[in-house]
Protein backbone atom coordinates (compact mmCIF):
# COMPACT_ATOMS: atom_id res chain seq x y z
CA PHE A 1 -7.07 -12.54 -0.07
CA GLU A 2 -7.68 -9.92 -2.77
CA GLU A 3 -8.97 -12.49 -5.25
CA ARG A 4 -11.45 -13.72 -2.63
CA CYS A 5 -12.58 -10.17 -1.92
CA ARG A 6 -13.25 -9.72 -5.63
CA GLN A 7 -15.37 -12.87 -5.72
CA VAL A 8 -17.33 -11.96 -2.60
CA TYR A 9 -17.95 -8.44 -3.96
CA MET A 10 -19.06 -9.46 -7.46
CA MET A 11 -20.80 -12.83 -6.96
CA GLU A 12 -22.08 -12.76 -3.39
CA GLN A 13 -22.42 -8.96 -3.01
CA LYS A 14 -21.50 -9.16 0.70
CA ILE A 15 -18.93 -6.36 0.42
CA LYS A 16 -20.56 -2.98 -0.22
CA GLY A 17 -19.29 0.38 -1.37
CA PHE A 18 -15.90 0.77 -3.00
CA LEU A 19 -13.28 -1.93 -3.28
CA HIS A 20 -9.75 -1.15 -4.53
CA LEU A 21 -7.64 -4.28 -5.04
CA TYR A 22 -3.85 -4.40 -4.60
CA ILE A 23 -3.24 -7.18 -7.15
CA GLY A 24 -0.03 -6.44 -9.04
CA GLN A 25 1.42 -4.13 -6.40
CA GLU A 26 2.27 -6.74 -3.76
CA ALA A 27 6.04 -6.17 -3.97
CA LEU A 28 5.54 -2.74 -2.45
CA SER A 29 3.74 -3.63 0.79
CA SER A 30 5.99 -6.72 1.26
CA GLY A 31 9.31 -5.10 0.44
CA ILE A 32 8.51 -2.05 2.57
CA GLU A 33 7.41 -4.10 5.59
CA SER A 34 10.53 -6.26 5.51
CA ALA A 35 12.72 -3.17 5.53
CA ILE A 36 11.11 -1.24 8.47
CA ARG A 37 10.55 -1.99 12.13
CA LYS A 38 7.27 -2.97 13.75
CA ASP A 39 7.31 0.27 15.78
CA ASP A 40 7.57 2.36 12.61
CA VAL A 41 4.23 3.45 11.13
CA VAL A 42 2.58 3.37 7.74
CA ILE A 43 -0.07 5.74 6.40
CA THR A 44 -1.49 5.26 2.92
CA ALA A 45 -4.39 5.91 0.57
CA TYR A 46 -7.50 3.77 0.00
CA ARG A 47 -5.78 0.88 -1.79
CA ASP A 48 -4.70 -0.32 1.62
CA HIS A 49 -5.48 -4.02 2.13
CA GLY A 50 -1.92 -5.07 1.31
CA PHE A 51 -0.54 -2.86 4.03
CA ALA A 52 -3.16 -4.00 6.58
CA LEU A 53 -2.07 -7.63 6.05
CA THR A 54 1.70 -7.02 5.97
CA ARG A 55 1.51 -4.81 9.08
CA GLY A 56 0.04 -7.78 10.92
CA ILE A 57 -3.70 -7.19 11.04
CA THR A 58 -5.25 -10.64 10.74
CA ALA A 59 -7.05 -11.72 7.59
CA ASN A 60 -10.11 -12.27 9.83
CA ALA A 61 -10.13 -8.66 11.00
CA CYS A 62 -9.50 -7.39 7.46
CA MET A 63 -12.29 -9.43 5.90
CA ALA A 64 -14.70 -8.56 8.68
CA GLU A 65 -13.99 -4.90 8.03
CA MET A 66 -14.83 -5.44 4.35
CA TYR A 67 -18.15 -6.89 5.43
CA GLY A 68 -18.83 -3.96 7.81
CA LYS A 69 -18.83 -6.24 10.85
CA ILE A 70 -18.02 -5.25 14.46
CA THR A 71 -15.05 -7.66 14.52
CA GLY A 72 -13.36 -5.72 11.75
CA SER A 73 -10.16 -3.70 12.23
CA SER A 74 -12.20 -0.46 12.32
CA LYS A 75 -15.18 -2.08 14.02
CA GLY A 76 -17.00 -2.22 10.63
CA LYS A 77 -17.11 1.56 10.33
CA GLY A 78 -14.39 2.02 7.70
CA GLY A 79 -14.69 -0.71 5.18
CA SER A 80 -12.19 -1.31 2.39
CA MET A 81 -10.84 2.25 2.25
CA HIS A 82 -10.28 2.88 5.95
CA MET A 83 -8.24 0.06 7.45
CA PHE A 84 -6.74 1.36 10.71
CA SER A 85 -4.89 -0.08 13.66
CA LYS A 86 -2.88 1.93 16.18
CA GLU A 87 -1.66 -1.40 17.63
CA HIS A 88 -0.15 -2.42 14.30
CA GLY A 89 1.12 1.02 13.33
CA LEU A 90 -1.27 1.47 10.40
CA TYR A 91 -2.74 4.96 10.46
CA GLY A 92 -5.08 4.48 7.47
CA GLY A 93 -6.46 3.87 4.75
CA HIS A 94 -7.57 7.38 3.60
CA GLY A 95 -10.40 8.00 1.17
CA ILE A 96 -9.55 11.66 0.49
CA VAL A 97 -7.03 11.78 -2.40
CA GLY A 98 -3.74 13.12 -0.94
CA GLY A 99 -5.22 13.67 2.51
CA GLN A 100 -2.65 11.38 4.07
CA ILE A 101 0.37 13.31 2.74
CA PRO A 102 0.37 16.16 5.32
CA LEU A 103 -0.73 13.68 8.00
CA GLY A 104 2.45 11.70 7.26
CA ALA A 105 4.47 14.81 7.98
CA GLY A 106 2.51 15.36 11.16
CA ILE A 107 3.19 11.86 12.47
CA ALA A 108 6.90 12.31 11.64
CA PHE A 109 6.90 15.66 13.47
CA ALA A 110 5.57 13.86 16.55
CA PHE A 111 8.39 11.34 16.38
CA LYS A 112 11.00 14.11 16.13
CA TYR A 113 9.38 16.16 18.91
CA ARG A 114 9.45 13.13 21.24
CA LYS A 115 13.05 12.30 20.20
CA GLN A 116 12.01 8.87 18.96
CA ASP A 117 14.00 7.24 16.15
CA ASN A 118 10.93 5.90 14.39
CA VAL A 119 10.06 6.50 10.74
CA CYS A 120 6.72 7.26 9.14
CA VAL A 121 6.26 5.65 5.70
CA CYS A 122 3.69 7.79 3.83
CA LEU A 123 2.38 6.41 0.59
CA MET A 124 0.33 8.01 -2.22
CA GLY A 125 -0.72 7.23 -5.78
CA ASP A 126 0.46 9.00 -8.91
CA GLY A 127 -2.80 10.95 -8.97
CA ALA A 128 -2.41 12.37 -5.47
CA VAL A 129 0.87 14.20 -6.30
CA ARG A 130 -1.17 16.87 -8.12
CA GLN A 131 -2.61 18.01 -4.80
CA GLY A 132 -1.34 21.28 -3.31
CA ALA A 133 -0.95 19.62 0.08
CA PHE A 134 1.75 17.43 -1.45
CA HIS A 135 4.02 20.47 -1.96
CA GLU A 136 3.18 22.03 1.41
CA ALA A 137 4.07 18.78 3.19
CA PHE A 138 7.30 18.35 1.25
CA ASN A 139 8.38 21.91 2.09
CA LEU A 140 7.77 21.47 5.82
CA ALA A 141 9.26 17.95 5.90
CA MET A 142 12.52 19.14 4.37
CA THR A 143 12.64 22.39 6.30
CA TRP A 144 12.29 20.55 9.61
CA LYS A 145 14.14 17.37 8.50
CA LEU A 146 11.26 15.16 9.53
CA PRO A 147 11.66 11.38 9.69
CA VAL A 148 9.23 10.57 6.85
CA LEU A 149 9.70 8.32 3.87
CA TYR A 150 7.43 9.44 1.05
CA ILE A 151 6.61 6.75 -1.49
CA ILE A 152 4.69 7.31 -4.73
CA GLU A 153 3.02 4.10 -5.87
CA ASN A 154 3.02 4.91 -9.57
CA ASN A 155 0.75 2.34 -11.16
CA GLU A 156 0.49 4.51 -14.31
CA TYR A 157 -3.14 5.52 -13.95
CA ALA A 158 -4.93 7.99 -11.65
CA MET A 159 -8.28 6.21 -11.76
CA GLY A 160 -8.45 6.09 -15.59
CA THR A 161 -6.10 8.92 -16.43
CA SER A 162 -2.55 8.17 -17.47
CA VAL A 163 0.39 10.06 -15.95
CA GLU A 164 1.22 11.52 -19.37
CA ARG A 165 -2.18 13.25 -19.50
CA THR A 166 -1.85 15.00 -16.13
CA SER A 167 1.60 16.59 -16.25
CA ASN A 168 4.59 17.40 -18.41
CA VAL A 169 6.72 15.77 -15.68
CA THR A 170 6.29 12.00 -16.00
CA ASP A 171 9.37 11.08 -13.89
CA LEU A 172 7.61 11.63 -10.60
CA SER A 173 10.82 11.18 -8.57
CA LYS A 174 11.77 14.64 -9.81
CA LEU A 175 8.99 16.23 -7.75
CA GLY A 176 11.25 16.16 -4.68
CA LEU A 177 14.13 18.01 -6.34
CA SER A 178 12.79 21.54 -5.83
CA TYR A 179 12.94 20.88 -2.07
CA GLU A 180 16.36 19.21 -2.38
CA MET A 181 14.78 16.04 -1.06
CA PRO A 182 16.82 12.90 -1.92
CA SER A 183 14.71 11.25 -4.60
CA LYS A 184 14.90 8.08 -6.65
CA GLN A 185 12.87 5.97 -9.08
CA VAL A 186 12.60 2.30 -8.12
CA ASP A 187 11.44 -0.89 -9.80
CA GLY A 188 8.32 -1.55 -7.77
CA MET A 189 7.67 -4.95 -9.36
CA SER A 190 10.65 -6.55 -7.56
CA VAL A 191 10.24 -7.22 -3.86
CA MET A 192 14.04 -7.51 -3.45
CA THR A 193 14.66 -4.14 -5.06
CA VAL A 194 11.92 -2.48 -2.97
CA HIS A 195 13.45 -3.98 0.19
CA GLU A 196 16.93 -2.78 -0.64
CA GLU A 197 15.91 0.75 -1.60
CA VAL A 198 13.62 1.22 1.39
CA SER A 199 16.30 -0.10 3.73
CA ALA A 200 18.77 2.46 2.43
CA ALA A 201 16.24 5.28 2.63
CA VAL A 202 15.23 4.44 6.16
CA ALA A 203 18.87 4.32 7.30
CA HIS A 204 19.31 7.86 5.84
CA ILE A 205 16.21 9.07 7.65
CA ARG A 206 17.10 7.50 11.03
CA ALA A 207 20.48 9.24 10.83
CA GLY A 208 18.58 12.55 11.17
CA LYS A 209 19.11 13.65 7.58
CA GLY A 210 15.41 14.22 6.84
CA PRO A 211 12.94 12.78 4.42
CA VAL A 212 13.42 10.73 1.22
CA LEU A 213 11.13 10.35 -1.82
CA LEU A 214 10.93 7.06 -3.71
CA GLU A 215 8.83 6.70 -6.81
CA MET A 216 7.93 3.02 -7.10
CA LYS A 217 7.10 2.03 -10.69
CA THR A 218 4.33 -0.57 -10.34
CA TYR A 219 1.12 -1.73 -12.05
CA ARG A 220 -2.35 -2.80 -10.96
CA TYR A 221 -3.85 -5.72 -12.88
CA GLN A 222 -7.42 -5.00 -11.85
CA GLY A 223 -9.40 -1.83 -12.51
CA HIS A 224 -9.12 1.21 -10.29
CA SER A 225 -12.10 -0.09 -8.32
CA MET A 226 -14.60 -2.87 -8.96
CA SER A 227 -16.75 -0.54 -11.09
CA ASP A 228 -13.92 0.24 -13.50
CA PRO A 229 -13.92 -1.66 -16.83
CA ALA A 230 -10.37 -0.32 -17.49
CA LYS A 231 -11.06 0.52 -21.14
CA TYR A 232 -8.33 3.19 -21.06
CA ARG A 233 -5.60 0.52 -21.52
CA THR A 234 -5.13 -2.24 -24.10
CA LYS A 235 -5.21 -5.97 -23.49
CA GLU A 236 -1.71 -6.10 -24.96
CA GLU A 237 -0.41 -3.65 -22.31
CA LEU A 238 -2.01 -5.61 -19.50
CA GLU A 239 -0.63 -8.95 -20.73
CA SER A 240 2.86 -7.51 -21.16
CA MET A 241 2.82 -6.22 -17.58
CA LYS A 242 1.61 -9.57 -16.27
CA ALA A 243 4.92 -10.98 -17.38
CA GLU A 244 6.47 -8.86 -14.59
CA ASP A 245 4.14 -10.17 -11.87
CA PRO A 246 5.99 -9.59 -8.57
CA ILE A 247 4.77 -12.85 -7.03
CA LEU A 248 5.94 -14.98 -9.98
CA ASP A 249 9.18 -12.99 -10.02
CA LEU A 250 9.77 -13.77 -6.33
CA LYS A 251 8.84 -17.42 -6.84
CA ALA A 252 11.39 -17.74 -9.62
CA TYR A 253 14.04 -16.12 -7.42
CA ILE A 254 13.27 -18.49 -4.55
CA LEU A 255 13.52 -21.58 -6.71
CA GLN A 256 16.59 -20.45 -8.63
CA HIS A 257 18.53 -19.60 -5.44
CA LYS A 258 17.25 -22.75 -3.68
CA VAL A 259 15.74 -20.73 -0.81
CA ALA A 260 12.90 -23.28 -0.93
CA VAL A 261 11.65 -26.06 -3.17
CA GLU A 262 8.32 -26.28 -5.07
CA ALA A 263 6.77 -28.44 -2.35
CA ASP A 264 7.44 -25.75 0.22
CA LEU A 265 5.73 -23.12 -1.90
CA GLU A 266 2.75 -25.40 -2.48
CA GLU A 267 2.45 -25.84 1.28
CA ILE A 268 2.46 -22.06 1.76
CA ASP A 269 -0.26 -21.67 -0.95
CA LYS A 270 -2.34 -24.30 0.85
CA LYS A 271 -2.00 -22.50 4.20
CA VAL A 272 -2.87 -19.15 2.63
CA LYS A 273 -6.06 -20.54 1.09
CA GLU A 274 -7.04 -21.97 4.43
CA ILE A 275 -6.42 -18.62 6.16
CA VAL A 276 -8.50 -16.77 3.54
CA ALA A 277 -11.36 -19.29 3.64
CA GLU A 278 -11.42 -18.96 7.43
CA SER A 279 -11.53 -15.14 7.11
CA VAL A 280 -14.64 -15.36 4.91
CA ARG A 281 -16.32 -17.76 7.38
CA PHE A 282 -15.38 -15.43 10.28
CA ALA A 283 -16.76 -12.36 8.46
CA ASP A 284 -19.94 -14.20 7.54
CA GLU A 285 -20.60 -15.28 11.10
CA SER A 286 -19.61 -12.01 12.84
CA PRO A 287 -22.36 -9.53 13.84
CA PHE A 288 -22.93 -6.08 12.46
CA PRO A 289 -22.27 -3.14 14.85
CA GLY A 290 -25.18 -2.59 17.25
CA PRO A 291 -27.16 0.69 17.43
CA GLU A 292 -25.02 1.86 20.39
CA GLU A 293 -22.01 1.96 18.01
């Protein structure tokens, strides 16, 4: 899906505005979704396509949203950065850096106020943790023991700025310690590891013990957005990280443990390509929002 978005954006220019691809970080959205319930909610930043798809929004609705069409998940009004579906428990897609962090605490407060045992998974990038609202939200979340799982998707670069250039603290899991929030650094390139760590964190939160912070160490293979030539990193670094590709890692695991055979995976690939091709056709043929919208 993401590769097709890139092609449509660059070659056909049918997707306008910003486009932030999730390629390289797939283990996070997949591992998280498999460890939470459908009635839990997710709120994230503007690199949100992966969560839209894993939450269950159709590829058709996602691609139509990219195109700005009325059949999109946000009726064509949000585009790439503002995927949203109350039905699927996805509360954004947020274009304001760090804007979703206090909102995650607010959603969790609503769950606690209503005595629901749901969890809010609130994600942010490594750049967003420099926002003051990050600390305000953490303070309230721990004080009130809110059912929120905070996850830092640390892909090493805040746009083009490395973590080392923004803070003396490069182990971002330590940022929860001053609030005595249980915190841990996790291998975000392994879908199995992500699943296991999120499962444990969610069990802690549902037990009424308050929030957890997980720093997921991951990597994006594309630029920050489509306009980013990514000259701040070397080709050698990129190639070395591609050896840890979460999709290839999962494929190797599946084959090694005989969960499926190569023919099964080829059939899945074929079906996925058909779904994505259909989403492009659907987006192409869908109308733009009318003036009344």
